[in-house]
């Protein structure tokens, strides 16, 4: 099963870094968050990726074109006027990566529609290029296969940024620390779809999180895989700093690959 990653947006809410590169290429622990997401899927045995690129898509292409340069020790031999490059300790991942320029201003649904020819008539996984988690991908896929619907959308209850007040008739009764169980379930990516999902997408202007998913829900064809574990998106600089801190302190729960 192939993994489709949405990586084409402008990342305006983290413009401190996204003015130079696509948001999925912003680094956590010296590696793009896109790399972290791919390592997660690879740990569970999935190594074919389709990256829906757009904004500054050449940065993603150049990263993978120079993957050895980024991840291996190299010897450059210019003796005798030639140029020979030796790659040392090559432990790079056995990935097959297709990077598709899905357009600069294309909406999320349109980006997915544009990569249909690379999926064919097969089920596929889909996620966003800015969120990490410790979701068990194999369990997610088995859940999708078992219920037999068109789509599965993983959901989480994100931790509130603020504490809570218990109020009755205008009187504050108690202060409570923020709790993961105080929030509502939200779409966190890590989705699985049958190829019929492409029929729900009309074109480049389609926002995937609206009509396509809304229509699946109305038809009773969308299930939720409720994840109680770790999840964090990198939407703002504050989020990036939080992820960097977790990585630096060896508390990165999304690092399932050990």
Protein backbone atom coordinates (compact mmCIF):
# COMPACT_ATOMS: atom_id res chain seq x y z
CA UNK A 1 0.00 0.00 0.00
CA UNK A 2 1.39 3.40 -0.99
CA UNK A 3 1.59 6.37 1.37
CA UNK A 4 0.46 9.77 0.05
CA UNK A 5 1.76 12.81 1.93
CA UNK A 6 0.30 16.30 1.46
CA UNK A 7 3.27 18.67 1.31
CA UNK A 8 2.26 21.51 -0.98
CA UNK A 9 0.80 24.25 1.20
CA UNK A 10 2.29 27.66 1.95
CA UNK A 11 2.66 27.13 5.72
CA UNK A 12 1.74 30.75 6.42
CA UNK A 13 1.34 30.26 10.18
CA UNK A 14 4.99 29.29 10.50
CA UNK A 15 6.24 31.90 8.05
CA UNK A 16 9.35 32.48 10.18
CA UNK A 17 10.76 29.42 8.39
CA UNK A 18 8.35 28.61 5.56
CA UNK A 19 9.39 31.66 3.55
CA UNK A 20 12.56 29.68 2.79
CA UNK A 21 11.19 26.15 2.41
CA UNK A 22 7.95 24.13 2.41
CA UNK A 23 6.68 23.43 5.90
CA UNK A 24 7.32 19.65 5.63
CA UNK A 25 11.01 20.47 5.09
CA UNK A 26 11.33 22.41 8.36
CA UNK A 27 13.69 20.44 10.56
CA UNK A 28 13.21 18.71 13.88
CA UNK A 29 16.48 17.41 15.30
CA UNK A 30 18.30 18.24 12.08
CA UNK A 31 15.89 16.26 9.86
CA UNK A 32 12.84 17.52 7.96
CA UNK A 33 9.57 16.66 9.67
CA UNK A 34 8.72 14.92 6.38
CA UNK A 35 11.59 12.51 7.08
CA UNK A 36 10.22 11.77 10.55
CA UNK A 37 6.79 10.94 9.08
CA UNK A 38 8.31 8.66 6.44
CA UNK A 39 10.45 6.89 9.05
CA UNK A 40 7.26 6.18 11.00
CA UNK A 41 5.57 4.45 8.06
CA UNK A 42 8.80 2.68 7.09
CA UNK A 43 9.05 1.17 10.57
CA UNK A 44 5.74 -0.60 9.87
CA UNK A 45 6.92 -1.88 6.49
CA UNK A 46 5.65 0.78 4.08
CA UNK A 47 8.32 2.17 1.77
CA UNK A 48 6.48 3.60 -1.28
CA UNK A 49 5.70 7.29 -0.93
CA UNK A 50 3.93 9.81 -3.14
CA UNK A 51 4.60 13.36 -2.04
CA UNK A 52 2.07 15.98 -3.16
CA UNK A 53 4.34 18.99 -3.57
CA UNK A 54 3.51 22.55 -4.55
CA UNK A 55 5.01 25.57 -2.81
CA UNK A 56 8.81 25.53 -3.28
CA UNK A 57 8.52 21.92 -4.48
CA UNK A 58 12.07 22.00 -5.82
CA UNK A 59 13.38 22.01 -2.21
CA UNK A 60 11.82 18.60 -1.62
CA UNK A 61 13.14 17.27 -4.93
CA UNK A 62 16.65 18.54 -4.22
CA UNK A 63 16.63 16.94 -0.76
CA UNK A 64 15.92 13.47 -2.12
CA UNK A 65 18.15 13.98 -5.15
CA UNK A 66 21.00 14.62 -2.71
CA UNK A 67 19.88 12.12 -0.06
CA UNK A 68 23.33 10.56 0.27
CA UNK A 69 24.80 14.03 0.69
CA UNK A 70 22.45 14.74 3.59
CA UNK A 71 22.74 11.39 5.35
CA UNK A 72 26.05 9.63 4.59
CA UNK A 73 29.78 10.16 4.89
CA UNK A 74 31.33 10.79 1.47
CA UNK A 75 34.83 10.72 0.01
CA UNK A 76 35.47 12.94 -3.02
CA UNK A 77 38.45 11.79 -5.06
CA UNK A 78 39.80 14.39 -7.49
CA UNK A 79 43.11 12.61 -8.12
CA UNK A 80 44.14 12.37 -11.78
CA UNK A 81 41.74 15.16 -12.71
CA UNK A 82 38.59 13.09 -12.27
CA UNK A 83 35.77 13.10 -9.76
CA UNK A 84 34.95 9.93 -7.92
CA UNK A 85 32.48 9.86 -5.01
CA UNK A 86 32.49 7.02 -2.48
CA UNK A 87 29.54 6.61 -0.12
CA UNK A 88 30.52 5.26 3.31
CA UNK A 89 28.30 3.45 5.81
CA UNK A 90 25.29 3.62 3.52
CA UNK A 91 22.39 2.88 5.82
CA UNK A 92 19.82 4.89 3.91
CA UNK A 93 16.25 3.65 3.87
CA UNK A 94 14.93 1.45 1.05
CA UNK A 95 12.40 4.04 -0.05
CA UNK A 96 10.71 4.60 -3.38
CA UNK A 97 9.69 8.26 -3.47
CA UNK A 98 7.56 9.90 -6.16
CA UNK A 99 7.42 13.69 -5.87
CA UNK A 100 4.56 15.26 -7.82
CA UNK A 101 4.20 18.97 -8.49
CA UNK A 102 0.48 19.27 -7.75
CA UNK A 103 0.35 23.01 -8.35
CA UNK A 104 1.04 26.14 -6.37
CA UNK A 105 -2.52 27.11 -5.42
CA UNK A 106 -4.24 23.71 -5.60
CA UNK A 107 -6.42 22.79 -2.63
CA UNK A 108 -5.89 19.58 -0.66
CA UNK A 109 -8.53 17.62 -2.56
CA UNK A 110 -7.12 18.75 -5.88
CA UNK A 111 -3.65 17.61 -4.87
CA UNK A 112 -4.99 14.15 -4.07
CA UNK A 113 -6.91 14.01 -7.35
CA UNK A 114 -3.74 14.85 -9.29
CA UNK A 115 -1.87 11.81 -8.00
CA UNK A 116 -4.65 9.34 -8.88
CA UNK A 117 -2.65 7.93 -11.78
CA UNK A 118 0.10 6.88 -9.37
CA UNK A 119 -2.39 5.02 -7.14
CA UNK A 120 -4.51 3.26 -9.74
CA UNK A 121 -7.31 1.06 -8.46
CA UNK A 122 -5.68 0.36 -5.12
CA UNK A 123 -6.26 1.42 -1.51
CA UNK A 124 -3.76 3.90 -0.14
CA UNK A 125 -2.75 5.74 2.99
CA UNK A 126 -2.86 9.52 3.28
CA UNK A 127 -1.48 11.97 5.82
CA UNK A 128 -0.33 15.55 6.24
CA UNK A 129 3.31 16.57 5.97
CA UNK A 130 3.35 18.44 9.27
CA UNK A 131 2.12 16.02 11.95
CA UNK A 132 3.85 13.27 13.90
CA UNK A 133 2.35 10.54 16.05
CA UNK A 134 2.98 7.13 17.56
CA UNK A 135 -0.06 5.58 15.87
CA UNK A 136 0.35 1.88 15.15
CA UNK A 137 0.03 1.89 11.36
CA UNK A 138 -0.55 -1.85 11.11
CA UNK A 139 -3.43 -1.70 13.58
CA UNK A 140 -4.88 1.25 11.66
CA UNK A 141 -4.76 -0.64 8.37
CA UNK A 142 -6.31 -3.76 9.89
CA UNK A 143 -9.12 -1.62 11.33
CA UNK A 144 -9.74 -0.16 7.86
CA UNK A 145 -9.83 -3.57 6.20
CA UNK A 146 -12.15 -4.96 8.85
CA UNK A 147 -14.92 -2.36 8.63
CA UNK A 148 -15.03 -2.39 4.81
CA UNK A 149 -15.90 1.29 4.32
CA UNK A 150 -14.32 3.68 1.79
CA UNK A 151 -12.41 5.74 4.32
CA UNK A 152 -10.75 5.68 7.72
CA UNK A 153 -9.68 8.91 9.38
CA UNK A 154 -7.54 8.83 12.51
CA UNK A 155 -8.69 11.18 15.24
CA UNK A 156 -7.19 12.52 18.45
CA UNK A 157 -8.20 14.78 21.30
CA UNK A 158 -5.47 17.44 21.38
CA UNK A 159 -4.34 18.80 24.70
CA UNK A 160 -5.78 22.21 25.46
CA UNK A 161 -3.27 25.06 25.60
CA UNK A 162 -5.01 26.51 28.62
CA UNK A 163 -6.31 25.39 31.98
CA UNK A 164 -10.04 24.98 32.59
CA UNK A 165 -12.56 26.61 34.87
CA UNK A 166 -15.53 24.79 36.39
CA UNK A 167 -18.30 27.40 36.53
CA UNK A 168 -21.85 27.01 37.87
CA UNK A 169 -24.30 29.92 37.78
CA UNK A 170 -21.45 32.32 37.14
CA UNK A 171 -19.42 31.18 40.14
CA UNK A 172 -15.94 29.76 39.62
CA UNK A 173 -15.85 26.54 41.61
CA UNK A 174 -12.50 25.11 40.60
CA UNK A 175 -9.39 25.61 38.50
CA UNK A 176 -8.23 22.52 36.61
CA UNK A 177 -5.01 21.90 34.74
CA UNK A 178 -5.32 21.32 31.01
CA UNK A 179 -6.22 17.72 30.23
CA UNK A 180 -6.11 15.75 27.00
CA UNK A 181 -9.66 14.54 27.67
CA UNK A 182 -11.09 18.07 27.73
CA UNK A 183 -10.98 18.48 23.95
CA UNK A 184 -13.11 17.20 21.10
CA UNK A 185 -11.96 14.61 18.58
CA UNK A 186 -10.27 16.10 15.52
CA UNK A 187 -8.85 14.79 12.25
CA UNK A 188 -5.12 14.17 12.74
CA UNK A 189 -4.30 12.67 9.34
CA UNK A 190 -3.03 9.08 9.14
CA UNK A 191 -5.96 8.11 6.91
CA UNK A 192 -6.67 5.07 4.73
CA UNK A 193 -8.88 5.13 1.63
CA UNK A 194 -10.25 2.90 -1.05
CA UNK A 195 -9.77 4.27 -4.60
CA UNK A 196 -13.47 5.25 -4.70
CA UNK A 197 -12.48 8.37 -2.79
CA UNK A 198 -11.26 9.93 -6.03
CA UNK A 199 -14.89 10.01 -7.25
CA UNK A 200 -15.69 12.47 -4.45
CA UNK A 201 -13.12 15.03 -5.64
CA UNK A 202 -14.17 17.36 -8.46
CA UNK A 203 -10.94 19.24 -9.16
CA UNK A 204 -8.19 21.61 -8.04
CA UNK A 205 -10.53 23.84 -6.01
CA UNK A 206 -11.82 21.00 -3.84
CA UNK A 207 -10.89 21.19 -0.18
CA UNK A 208 -10.59 17.57 0.86
CA UNK A 209 -11.66 18.21 4.45
CA UNK A 210 -15.01 19.61 3.29
CA UNK A 211 -17.26 18.04 0.62
CA UNK A 212 -15.30 14.79 0.03
CA UNK A 213 -15.13 13.85 3.72
CA UNK A 214 -18.54 15.36 4.51
CA UNK A 215 -20.14 13.32 1.73
CA UNK A 216 -18.45 10.12 2.86
CA UNK A 217 -19.78 10.72 6.37
CA UNK A 218 -23.32 11.31 5.07
CA UNK A 219 -23.15 8.05 3.11
CA UNK A 220 -21.96 6.14 6.17
CA UNK A 221 -18.64 5.41 4.45
CA UNK A 222 -16.22 7.17 6.83
CA UNK A 223 -14.93 5.58 10.01
CA UNK A 224 -12.77 7.04 12.76
CA UNK A 225 -9.73 5.31 14.21
CA UNK A 226 -9.54 6.94 17.64
CA UNK A 227 -5.96 7.31 18.82
CA UNK A 228 -5.38 7.95 22.52
CA UNK A 229 -1.59 8.21 22.22
CA UNK A 230 0.80 10.91 21.10
CA UNK A 231 0.11 13.31 18.24
CA UNK A 232 1.44 16.78 17.51
CA UNK A 233 1.17 18.97 14.44
CA UNK A 234 3.76 21.61 13.57
CA UNK A 235 1.47 24.47 12.72
CA UNK A 236 3.36 27.32 14.37
CA UNK A 237 6.84 28.18 15.61
CA UNK A 238 5.64 27.33 19.11
CA UNK A 239 4.82 23.80 17.90
CA UNK A 240 8.23 23.43 16.28
CA UNK A 241 9.96 24.49 19.48
CA UNK A 242 7.91 21.96 21.46
CA UNK A 243 8.89 19.14 19.08
CA UNK A 244 12.54 20.22 19.12
CA UNK A 245 12.52 20.16 22.92
CA UNK A 246 11.02 16.66 23.01
CA UNK A 247 13.58 15.42 20.49
CA UNK A 248 16.48 17.01 22.34
CA UNK A 249 15.38 15.47 25.65
CA UNK A 250 14.93 11.99 24.10
CA UNK A 251 11.19 12.20 24.77
CA UNK A 252 10.07 12.07 21.13
CA UNK A 253 7.20 9.58 21.39
CA UNK A 254 6.76 9.56 17.61
CA UNK A 255 10.22 8.01 17.22
CA UNK A 256 8.78 4.50 17.07
CA UNK A 257 11.70 3.24 14.98
CA UNK A 258 13.97 3.22 18.04
